[in-house]
Amino acid sequence: MNPASIAENVTPLILTYNEAPNIERTLQHLTWAKEIVVIDSYSNDETLEILHSYPQLQVFQKKFDTHATQWNYGLEQVKSQWVLSLDADYIVTDELMAEIEVLPIDSKINGYFVRFKYCVFGKPLRGTILPPRQILFRKKKAIYIDDGHTQLLQVTGKSATLSGYINHDDRKSLSRWLWAQDRYMVIEVKKLLETPVNELGLGDKIRKKKLFAPFIVLFYCLIVKGGILDGWAGLYYAYQRMLAEILLSIRLIEEEKTVDSSLTQVDE
């Protein structure tokens, strides 16, 4: 690696909680890193055992509060100038790593966006609804803020987009996925109901329609994004995203009816 490149001055930062089905594959693509920082939310599966088998890992445990506070705590543990923030099911492809290796450390760019390819049991799909995410950035120029069930990274200064991809390859069980999605949707409902309509993006405005959103997502994944050409993997992903939107719609209806019922009782 060029010592004047970002690759020689970057620390991968990963959040984990019961990620035994995923974390090994992610770490296998990070063996180039001098140090990796992991913030674990007290996993009770084999995650910690896997983590401790990699000598360059620094593992810190912190009870989960929100994604933003967890990520910002992680930033405090990073000693390098640059950070590569990764979920535990993100695979850094060889093409992306080759691109990072030649990025000059003295550039005026403070952050880089990377696009994703969603994988179903290891098979990358043609399209995904995941937007590009700014995962490579100068530590001193960045901070995380909460955004619904997830987080947003705010980077001061100029940003650019890399041509390489991250493979998003989540292989946790369906029951674990459903558990996580239900937790996420409770937070998303709060965001949708408390944010003024004029501040919502088009996607969130569609989600508030409840009845139509799941079918729009199904059409978008299969037709617009070409998932139908990916065979069973494309169908799996489309149905998965549709199910997530159905859960959100049910949660929205539940919350709205609960509020209406409370108002009616107050009026009486």
C-alpha atoms as a PDB file:
ATOM      1  CA  MET A   1       0.000   0.000   0.000  1.00  0.00           C
ATOM      2  CA  ASN A   2       1.103   3.558  -0.658  1.00  0.00           C
ATOM      3  CA  PRO A   3       1.987   5.079   2.771  1.00  0.00           C
ATOM      4  CA  ALA A   4       0.540   8.402   1.565  1.00  0.00           C
ATOM      5  CA  SER A   5      -2.830   6.772   0.843  1.00  0.00           C
ATOM      6  CA  ILE A   6      -5.933   6.631   3.028  1.00  0.00           C
ATOM      7  CA  ALA A   7      -5.613   2.832   3.237  1.00  0.00           C
ATOM      8  CA  GLU A   8      -2.536   3.182   5.451  1.00  0.00           C
ATOM      9  CA  ASN A   9      -4.307   5.600   7.775  1.00  0.00           C
ATOM     10  CA  VAL A  10      -7.803   4.144   8.192  1.00  0.00           C
ATOM     11  CA  THR A  11      -9.460   2.056  10.902  1.00  0.00           C
ATOM     12  CA  PRO A  12     -12.517  -0.097  10.150  1.00  0.00           C
ATOM     13  CA  LEU A  13     -15.243   0.519  12.754  1.00  0.00           C
ATOM     14  CA  ILE A  14     -17.965  -2.122  13.198  1.00  0.00           C
ATOM     15  CA  LEU A  15     -21.040  -2.451  15.429  1.00  0.00           C
ATOM     16  CA  THR A  16     -22.087  -5.939  16.547  1.00  0.00           C
ATOM     17  CA  TYR A  17     -24.878  -7.662  18.408  1.00  0.00           C
ATOM     18  CA  ASN A  18     -25.251 -11.417  17.903  1.00  0.00           C
ATOM     19  CA  GLU A  19     -23.627 -11.310  14.468  1.00  0.00           C
ATOM     20  CA  ALA A  20     -22.098 -14.798  14.471  1.00  0.00           C
ATOM     21  CA  PRO A  21     -23.747 -15.679  11.114  1.00  0.00           C
ATOM     22  CA  ASN A  22     -22.076 -12.673   9.444  1.00  0.00           C
ATOM     23  CA  ILE A  23     -19.021 -11.245  11.180  1.00  0.00           C
ATOM     24  CA  GLU A  24     -16.486 -13.873  10.058  1.00  0.00           C
ATOM     25  CA  ARG A  25     -17.038 -13.078   6.369  1.00  0.00           C
ATOM     26  CA  THR A  26     -16.746  -9.357   7.025  1.00  0.00           C
ATOM     27  CA  LEU A  27     -13.476  -9.720   8.951  1.00  0.00           C
ATOM     28  CA  GLN A  28     -11.943 -11.986   6.298  1.00  0.00           C
ATOM     29  CA  HIS A  29     -12.005  -9.003   3.926  1.00  0.00           C
ATOM     30  CA  LEU A  30     -10.336  -6.689   6.466  1.00  0.00           C
ATOM     31  CA  THR A  31      -7.097  -8.576   7.127  1.00  0.00           C
ATOM     32  CA  TRP A  32      -5.181  -5.653   5.579  1.00  0.00           C
ATOM     33  CA  ALA A  33      -6.163  -3.347   8.472  1.00  0.00           C
ATOM     34  CA  LYS A  34      -3.596  -2.652  11.186  1.00  0.00           C
ATOM     35  CA  GLU A  35      -6.376  -2.165  13.722  1.00  0.00           C
ATOM     36  CA  ILE A  36     -10.127  -2.766  13.729  1.00  0.00           C
ATOM     37  CA  VAL A  37     -12.445  -1.255  16.348  1.00  0.00           C
ATOM     38  CA  VAL A  38     -15.626  -3.158  17.250  1.00  0.00           C
ATOM     39  CA  ILE A  39     -18.392  -1.838  19.507  1.00  0.00           C
ATOM     40  CA  ASP A  40     -20.387  -4.800  20.766  1.00  0.00           C
ATOM     41  CA  SER A  41     -23.800  -4.469  22.449  1.00  0.00           C
ATOM     42  CA  TYR A  42     -23.185  -7.459  24.759  1.00  0.00           C
ATOM     43  CA  SER A  43     -23.649 -10.291  22.273  1.00  0.00           C
ATOM     44  CA  ASN A  44     -24.632 -13.640  23.784  1.00  0.00           C
ATOM     45  CA  ASP A  45     -23.921 -15.877  20.787  1.00  0.00           C
ATOM     46  CA  GLU A  46     -20.494 -16.782  19.309  1.00  0.00           C
ATOM     47  CA  THR A  47     -19.765 -13.235  18.103  1.00  0.00           C
ATOM     48  CA  LEU A  48     -17.191 -12.410  20.804  1.00  0.00           C
ATOM     49  CA  GLU A  49     -15.392 -15.716  20.318  1.00  0.00           C
ATOM     50  CA  ILE A  50     -14.989 -14.938  16.614  1.00  0.00           C
ATOM     51  CA  LEU A  51     -13.870 -11.370  17.311  1.00  0.00           C
ATOM     52  CA  HIS A  52     -11.180 -12.417  19.763  1.00  0.00           C
ATOM     53  CA  SER A  53      -9.649 -14.740  17.164  1.00  0.00           C
ATOM     54  CA  TYR A  54      -8.437 -11.680  15.208  1.00  0.00           C
ATOM     55  CA  PRO A  55      -5.390 -10.125  16.946  1.00  0.00           C
ATOM     56  CA  GLN A  56      -5.775  -6.660  15.376  1.00  0.00           C
ATOM     57  CA  LEU A  57      -9.257  -6.183  16.870  1.00  0.00           C
ATOM     58  CA  GLN A  58      -9.995  -3.790  19.721  1.00  0.00           C
ATOM     59  CA  VAL A  59     -13.360  -4.826  21.193  1.00  0.00           C
ATOM     60  CA  PHE A  60     -15.370  -2.440  23.386  1.00  0.00           C
ATOM     61  CA  GLN A  61     -18.740  -3.289  24.887  1.00  0.00           C
ATOM     62  CA  LYS A  62     -21.487  -0.716  25.376  1.00  0.00           C
ATOM     63  CA  LYS A  63     -25.164  -1.192  26.085  1.00  0.00           C
ATOM     64  CA  PHE A  64     -27.173  -0.178  23.027  1.00  0.00           C
ATOM     65  CA  ASP A  65     -29.000   3.123  23.253  1.00  0.00           C
ATOM     66  CA  THR A  66     -29.345   4.418  19.684  1.00  0.00           C
ATOM     67  CA  HIS A  67     -27.334   3.779  16.545  1.00  0.00           C
ATOM     68  CA  ALA A  68     -25.952   7.314  16.572  1.00  0.00           C
ATOM     69  CA  THR A  69     -24.676   7.155  20.151  1.00  0.00           C
ATOM     70  CA  GLN A  70     -23.176   3.733  19.494  1.00  0.00           C
ATOM     71  CA  TRP A  71     -21.339   4.940  16.367  1.00  0.00           C
ATOM     72  CA  ASN A  72     -20.138   8.138  18.043  1.00  0.00           C
ATOM     73  CA  TYR A  73     -18.793   6.104  20.954  1.00  0.00           C
ATOM     74  CA  GLY A  74     -16.943   4.033  18.391  1.00  0.00           C
ATOM     75  CA  LEU A  75     -15.437   7.138  16.793  1.00  0.00           C
ATOM     76  CA  GLU A  76     -14.000   8.062  20.199  1.00  0.00           C
ATOM     77  CA  GLN A  77     -12.042   4.787  20.237  1.00  0.00           C
ATOM     78  CA  VAL A  78     -10.516   5.245  16.766  1.00  0.00           C
ATOM     79  CA  LYS A  79      -6.963   6.590  16.750  1.00  0.00           C
ATOM     80  CA  SER A  80      -6.409   6.968  12.997  1.00  0.00           C
ATOM     81  CA  GLN A  81      -7.203  10.006  10.857  1.00  0.00           C
ATOM     82  CA  TRP A  82      -9.702   8.117   8.685  1.00  0.00           C
ATOM     83  CA  VAL A  83     -12.586   5.759   9.516  1.00  0.00           C
ATOM     84  CA  LEU A  84     -14.220   3.004   7.462  1.00  0.00           C
ATOM     85  CA  SER A  85     -17.607   2.439   9.141  1.00  0.00           C
ATOM     86  CA  LEU A  86     -19.153  -0.949   8.429  1.00  0.00           C
ATOM     87  CA  ASP A  87     -22.168  -2.940   9.535  1.00  0.00           C
ATOM     88  CA  ALA A  88     -21.317  -6.489  10.560  1.00  0.00           C
ATOM     89  CA  ASP A  89     -22.752  -7.846   7.283  1.00  0.00           C
ATOM     90  CA  TYR A  90     -20.853  -5.485   4.924  1.00  0.00           C
ATOM     91  CA  ILE A  91     -18.247  -7.090   2.672  1.00  0.00           C
ATOM     92  CA  VAL A  92     -15.522  -4.800   1.325  1.00  0.00           C
ATOM     93  CA  THR A  93     -15.023  -6.028  -2.248  1.00  0.00           C
ATOM     94  CA  ASP A  94     -11.563  -6.334  -3.806  1.00  0.00           C
ATOM     95  CA  GLU A  95     -12.495  -3.649  -6.357  1.00  0.00           C
ATOM     96  CA  LEU A  96     -13.443  -1.173  -3.633  1.00  0.00           C
ATOM     97  CA  MET A  97     -10.305  -1.904  -1.626  1.00  0.00           C
ATOM     98  CA  ALA A  98      -8.111  -1.373  -4.684  1.00  0.00           C
ATOM     99  CA  GLU A  99      -9.768   2.010  -5.133  1.00  0.00           C
ATOM    100  CA  ILE A 100      -9.208   2.995  -1.498  1.00  0.00           C
ATOM    101  CA  GLU A 101      -5.537   2.008  -1.717  1.00  0.00           C
ATOM    102  CA  VAL A 102      -4.818   4.786  -4.213  1.00  0.00           C
ATOM    103  CA  LEU A 103      -6.872   7.555  -2.563  1.00  0.00           C
ATOM    104  CA  PRO A 104      -4.450  10.322  -1.487  1.00  0.00           C
ATOM    105  CA  ILE A 105      -4.562  11.150   2.207  1.00  0.00           C
ATOM    106  CA  ASP A 106      -3.910  14.841   1.549  1.00  0.00           C
ATOM    107  CA  SER A 107      -6.980  15.283  -0.673  1.00  0.00           C
ATOM    108  CA  LYS A 108      -9.508  18.032   0.096  1.00  0.00           C
ATOM    109  CA  ILE A 109     -12.254  15.382   0.164  1.00  0.00           C
ATOM    110  CA  ASN A 110     -13.443  14.611   3.709  1.00  0.00           C
ATOM    111  CA  GLY A 111     -15.837  11.763   2.981  1.00  0.00           C
ATOM    112  CA  TYR A 112     -16.636   9.134   0.357  1.00  0.00           C
ATOM    113  CA  PHE A 113     -19.990   7.558  -0.481  1.00  0.00           C
ATOM    114  CA  VAL A 114     -20.107   3.895  -1.498  1.00  0.00           C
ATOM    115  CA  ARG A 115     -22.909   2.063  -3.316  1.00  0.00           C
ATOM    116  CA  PHE A 116     -24.270  -1.331  -2.297  1.00  0.00           C
ATOM    117  CA  LYS A 117     -25.106  -4.658  -3.856  1.00  0.00           C
ATOM    118  CA  TYR A 118     -27.560  -6.623  -1.738  1.00  0.00           C
ATOM    119  CA  CYS A 119     -26.816 -10.332  -1.539  1.00  0.00           C
ATOM    120  CA  VAL A 120     -29.212 -13.219  -0.969  1.00  0.00           C
ATOM    121  CA  PHE A 121     -27.286 -16.151   0.502  1.00  0.00           C
ATOM    122  CA  GLY A 122     -24.120 -14.737  -1.038  1.00  0.00           C
ATOM    123  CA  LYS A 123     -25.539 -13.953  -4.488  1.00  0.00           C
ATOM    124  CA  PRO A 124     -25.312 -10.230  -5.409  1.00  0.00           C
ATOM    125  CA  LEU A 125     -28.500  -8.841  -6.955  1.00  0.00           C
ATOM    126  CA  ARG A 126     -28.749  -6.514  -9.943  1.00  0.00           C
ATOM    127  CA  GLY A 127     -30.447  -3.808  -7.931  1.00  0.00           C
ATOM    128  CA  THR A 128     -31.224  -2.756  -4.376  1.00  0.00           C
ATOM    129  CA  ILE A 129     -33.275  -0.097  -2.616  1.00  0.00           C
ATOM    130  CA  LEU A 130     -30.290   0.712  -0.401  1.00  0.00           C
ATOM    131  CA  PRO A 131     -28.997   4.234  -1.126  1.00  0.00           C
ATOM    132  CA  PRO A 132     -25.241   4.980  -1.218  1.00  0.00           C
ATOM    133  CA  ARG A 133     -23.807   5.492   2.246  1.00  0.00           C
ATOM    134  CA  GLN A 134     -20.889   7.655   3.338  1.00  0.00           C
ATOM    135  CA  ILE A 135     -18.710   5.036   5.018  1.00  0.00           C
ATOM    136  CA  LEU A 136     -15.189   6.388   4.505  1.00  0.00           C
ATOM    137  CA  PHE A 137     -14.446   9.737   6.161  1.00  0.00           C
ATOM    138  CA  ARG A 138     -12.086  11.874   8.212  1.00  0.00           C
ATOM    139  CA  LYS A 139     -12.785  11.256  11.879  1.00  0.00           C
ATOM    140  CA  LYS A 140     -12.462  14.916  12.961  1.00  0.00           C
ATOM    141  CA  LYS A 141     -14.926  16.079  10.302  1.00  0.00           C
ATOM    142  CA  ALA A 142     -17.793  13.705  11.108  1.00  0.00           C
ATOM    143  CA  ILE A 143     -20.556  13.032  13.613  1.00  0.00           C
ATOM    144  CA  TYR A 144     -23.543  10.683  13.615  1.00  0.00           C
ATOM    145  CA  ILE A 145     -27.152  11.738  14.263  1.00  0.00           C
ATOM    146  CA  ASP A 146     -30.222   9.525  14.660  1.00  0.00           C
ATOM    147  CA  ASP A 147     -32.632   9.158  11.735  1.00  0.00           C
ATOM    148  CA  GLY A 148     -35.560   6.864  12.413  1.00  0.00           C
ATOM    149  CA  HIS A 149     -34.347   3.366  13.232  1.00  0.00           C
ATOM    150  CA  THR A 150     -30.919   4.030  11.761  1.00  0.00           C
ATOM    151  CA  GLN A 151     -28.431   6.900  11.626  1.00  0.00           C
ATOM    152  CA  LEU A 152     -27.099   9.632   9.378  1.00  0.00           C
ATOM    153  CA  LEU A 153     -23.474  10.672   9.109  1.00  0.00           C
ATOM    154  CA  GLN A 154     -22.831  14.403   8.893  1.00  0.00           C
ATOM    155  CA  VAL A 155     -19.479  15.237   7.304  1.00  0.00           C
ATOM    156  CA  THR A 156     -18.154  18.781   7.106  1.00  0.00           C
ATOM    157  CA  GLY A 157     -16.596  19.717   3.786  1.00  0.00           C
ATOM    158  CA  LYS A 158     -16.479  18.080   0.377  1.00  0.00           C
ATOM    159  CA  SER A 159     -17.567  14.523  -0.369  1.00  0.00           C
ATOM    160  CA  ALA A 160     -17.234  12.225  -3.378  1.00  0.00           C
ATOM    161  CA  THR A 161     -18.578   8.856  -4.534  1.00  0.00           C
ATOM    162  CA  LEU A 162     -16.406   5.818  -5.193  1.00  0.00           C
ATOM    163  CA  SER A 163     -17.077   3.439  -8.076  1.00  0.00           C
ATOM    164  CA  GLY A 164     -16.532   0.218  -6.093  1.00  0.00           C
ATOM    165  CA  TYR A 165     -19.275  -1.566  -4.193  1.00  0.00           C
ATOM    166  CA  ILE A 166     -19.961  -2.931  -0.715  1.00  0.00           C
ATOM    167  CA  ASN A 167     -21.737  -6.304  -0.715  1.00  0.00           C
ATOM    168  CA  HIS A 168     -24.507  -6.321   1.908  1.00  0.00           C
ATOM    169  CA  ASP A 169     -24.685 -10.015   2.801  1.00  0.00           C
ATOM    170  CA  ASP A 170     -26.917 -10.619   5.836  1.00  0.00           C
ATOM    171  CA  ARG A 171     -27.410 -14.310   6.623  1.00  0.00           C
ATOM    172  CA  LYS A 172     -29.137 -14.135   9.981  1.00  0.00           C
ATOM    173  CA  SER A 173     -32.212 -16.335  10.443  1.00  0.00           C
ATOM    174  CA  LEU A 174     -35.691 -15.227   9.382  1.00  0.00           C
ATOM    175  CA  SER A 175     -36.857 -15.137  13.011  1.00  0.00           C
ATOM    176  CA  ARG A 176     -33.973 -12.803  13.935  1.00  0.00           C
ATOM    177  CA  TRP A 177     -34.702 -10.640  10.884  1.00  0.00           C
ATOM    178  CA  LEU A 178     -38.384 -10.346  11.858  1.00  0.00           C
ATOM    179  CA  TRP A 179     -37.427  -9.447  15.445  1.00  0.00           C
ATOM    180  CA  ALA A 180     -35.094  -6.710  14.231  1.00  0.00           C
ATOM    181  CA  GLN A 181     -37.539  -5.348  11.647  1.00  0.00           C
ATOM    182  CA  ASP A 182     -40.328  -5.063  14.210  1.00  0.00           C
ATOM    183  CA  ARG A 183     -38.038  -3.072  16.527  1.00  0.00           C
ATOM    184  CA  TYR A 184     -36.987  -0.855  13.622  1.00  0.00           C
ATOM    185  CA  MET A 185     -40.561  -0.193  12.536  1.00  0.00           C
ATOM    186  CA  VAL A 186     -41.610   1.029  15.984  1.00  0.00           C
ATOM    187  CA  ILE A 187     -38.918   3.710  15.669  1.00  0.00           C
ATOM    188  CA  GLU A 188     -39.814   4.456  12.031  1.00  0.00           C
ATOM    189  CA  VAL A 189     -43.470   5.010  12.974  1.00  0.00           C
ATOM    190  CA  LYS A 190     -42.394   7.558  15.584  1.00  0.00           C
ATOM    191  CA  LYS A 191     -40.339   9.383  12.957  1.00  0.00           C
ATOM    192  CA  LEU A 192     -43.133   9.340  10.339  1.00  0.00           C
ATOM    193  CA  LEU A 193     -45.790  10.616  12.731  1.00  0.00           C
ATOM    194  CA  GLU A 194     -43.684  13.292  14.419  1.00  0.00           C
ATOM    195  CA  THR A 195     -41.997  14.743  11.322  1.00  0.00           C
ATOM    196  CA  PRO A 196     -43.912  17.454   9.432  1.00  0.00           C
ATOM    197  CA  VAL A 197     -45.084  16.188   6.040  1.00  0.00           C
ATOM    198  CA  ASN A 198     -43.168  18.901   4.174  1.00  0.00           C
ATOM    199  CA  GLU A 199     -39.928  17.629   5.755  1.00  0.00           C
ATOM    200  CA  LEU A 200     -40.448  14.009   4.679  1.00  0.00           C
ATOM    201  CA  GLY A 201     -38.846  12.608   1.554  1.00  0.00           C
ATOM    202  CA  LEU A 202     -40.932  11.042  -1.220  1.00  0.00           C
ATOM    203  CA  GLY A 203     -40.261   7.520   0.063  1.00  0.00           C
ATOM    204  CA  ASP A 204     -41.501   8.339   3.570  1.00  0.00           C
ATOM    205  CA  LYS A 205     -44.578  10.113   2.178  1.00  0.00           C
ATOM    206  CA  ILE A 206     -45.441   6.935   0.259  1.00  0.00           C
ATOM    207  CA  ARG A 207     -44.904   4.832   3.381  1.00  0.00           C
ATOM    208  CA  LYS A 208     -47.502   6.890   5.230  1.00  0.00           C
ATOM    209  CA  LYS A 209     -50.099   5.717   2.692  1.00  0.00           C
ATOM    210  CA  LYS A 210     -49.931   2.320   4.410  1.00  0.00           C
ATOM    211  CA  LEU A 211     -52.125   0.271   2.047  1.00  0.00           C
ATOM    212  CA  PHE A 212     -50.162   1.035  -1.124  1.00  0.00           C
ATOM    213  CA  ALA A 213     -46.572   1.195   0.139  1.00  0.00           C
ATOM    214  CA  PRO A 214     -45.912  -2.590   0.334  1.00  0.00           C
ATOM    215  CA  PHE A 215     -47.100  -3.140  -3.247  1.00  0.00           C
ATOM    216  CA  ILE A 216     -45.112  -0.161  -4.526  1.00  0.00           C
ATOM    217  CA  VAL A 217     -41.977  -1.615  -2.919  1.00  0.00           C
ATOM    218  CA  LEU A 218     -42.680  -5.025  -4.462  1.00  0.00           C
ATOM    219  CA  PHE A 219     -43.066  -3.469  -7.928  1.00  0.00           C
ATOM    220  CA  TYR A 220     -39.985  -1.288  -7.434  1.00  0.00           C
ATOM    221  CA  CYS A 221     -37.757  -4.211  -6.413  1.00  0.00           C
ATOM    222  CA  LEU A 222     -38.972  -6.633  -9.096  1.00  0.00           C
ATOM    223  CA  ILE A 223     -39.482  -4.337 -12.077  1.00  0.00           C
ATOM    224  CA  VAL A 224     -37.684  -1.009 -11.601  1.00  0.00           C
ATOM    225  CA  LYS A 225     -34.597  -2.591 -10.015  1.00  0.00           C
ATOM    226  CA  GLY A 226     -34.736  -5.706 -12.203  1.00  0.00           C
ATOM    227  CA  GLY A 227     -35.091  -8.184  -9.361  1.00  0.00           C
ATOM    228  CA  ILE A 228     -37.271 -10.422 -11.513  1.00  0.00           C
ATOM    229  CA  LEU A 229     -34.158 -11.145 -13.627  1.00  0.00           C
ATOM    230  CA  ASP A 230     -32.350 -12.473 -10.535  1.00  0.00           C
ATOM    231  CA  GLY A 231     -34.680 -15.468 -10.272  1.00  0.00           C
ATOM    232  CA  TRP A 232     -35.505 -16.833  -6.828  1.00  0.00           C
ATOM    233  CA  ALA A 233     -32.977 -14.509  -5.144  1.00  0.00           C
ATOM    234  CA  GLY A 234     -34.683 -11.446  -6.610  1.00  0.00           C
ATOM    235  CA  LEU A 235     -38.094 -12.699  -5.534  1.00  0.00           C
ATOM    236  CA  TYR A 236     -36.790 -13.436  -2.038  1.00  0.00           C
ATOM    237  CA  TYR A 237     -35.445  -9.907  -1.652  1.00  0.00           C
ATOM    238  CA  ALA A 238     -38.610  -8.299  -3.045  1.00  0.00           C
ATOM    239  CA  TYR A 239     -40.862 -10.317  -0.736  1.00  0.00           C
ATOM    240  CA  GLN A 240     -38.583  -9.531   2.210  1.00  0.00           C
ATOM    241  CA  ARG A 241     -38.792  -5.790   1.573  1.00  0.00           C
ATOM    242  CA  MET A 242     -42.548  -6.033   1.020  1.00  0.00           C
ATOM    243  CA  LEU A 243     -42.932  -7.834   4.354  1.00  0.00           C
ATOM    244  CA  ALA A 244     -40.931  -5.086   6.087  1.00  0.00           C
ATOM    245  CA  GLU A 245     -43.296  -2.471   4.647  1.00  0.00           C
ATOM    246  CA  ILE A 246     -46.335  -4.514   5.716  1.00  0.00           C
ATOM    247  CA  LEU A 247     -44.974  -4.535   9.283  1.00  0.00           C
ATOM    248  CA  LEU A 248     -44.551  -0.769   9.112  1.00  0.00           C
ATOM    249  CA  SER A 249     -48.095  -0.285   7.771  1.00  0.00           C
ATOM    250  CA  ILE A 250     -49.549  -2.420  10.578  1.00  0.00           C
ATOM    251  CA  ARG A 251     -47.560  -0.468  13.164  1.00  0.00           C
ATOM    252  CA  LEU A 252     -48.745   2.835  11.656  1.00  0.00           C
ATOM    253  CA  ILE A 253     -52.388   1.750  11.764  1.00  0.00           C
ATOM    254  CA  GLU A 254     -51.982   0.518  15.351  1.00  0.00           C
ATOM    255  CA  GLU A 255     -50.415   3.788  16.504  1.00  0.00           C
ATOM    256  CA  GLU A 256     -52.941   6.002  14.708  1.00  0.00           C
ATOM    257  CA  LYS A 257     -55.910   4.037  16.101  1.00  0.00           C
ATOM    258  CA  THR A 258     -54.436   4.147  19.600  1.00  0.00           C
ATOM    259  CA  VAL A 259     -54.077   7.916  19.389  1.00  0.00           C
ATOM    260  CA  ASP A 260     -57.620   8.313  18.004  1.00  0.00           C
ATOM    261  CA  SER A 261     -59.002   6.165  20.811  1.00  0.00           C
ATOM    262  CA  SER A 262     -57.185   8.237  23.436  1.00  0.00           C
ATOM    263  CA  LEU A 263     -58.528  11.490  21.973  1.00  0.00           C
ATOM    264  CA  THR A 264     -62.066  10.114  21.931  1.00  0.00           C
ATOM    265  CA  GLN A 265     -61.845   9.170  25.607  1.00  0.00           C
ATOM    266  CA  VAL A 266     -60.566  12.650  26.477  1.00  0.00           C
ATOM    267  CA  ASP A 267     -63.488  14.283  24.584  1.00  0.00           C
ATOM    268  CA  GLU A 268     -65.964  12.134  26.476  1.00  0.00           C
END
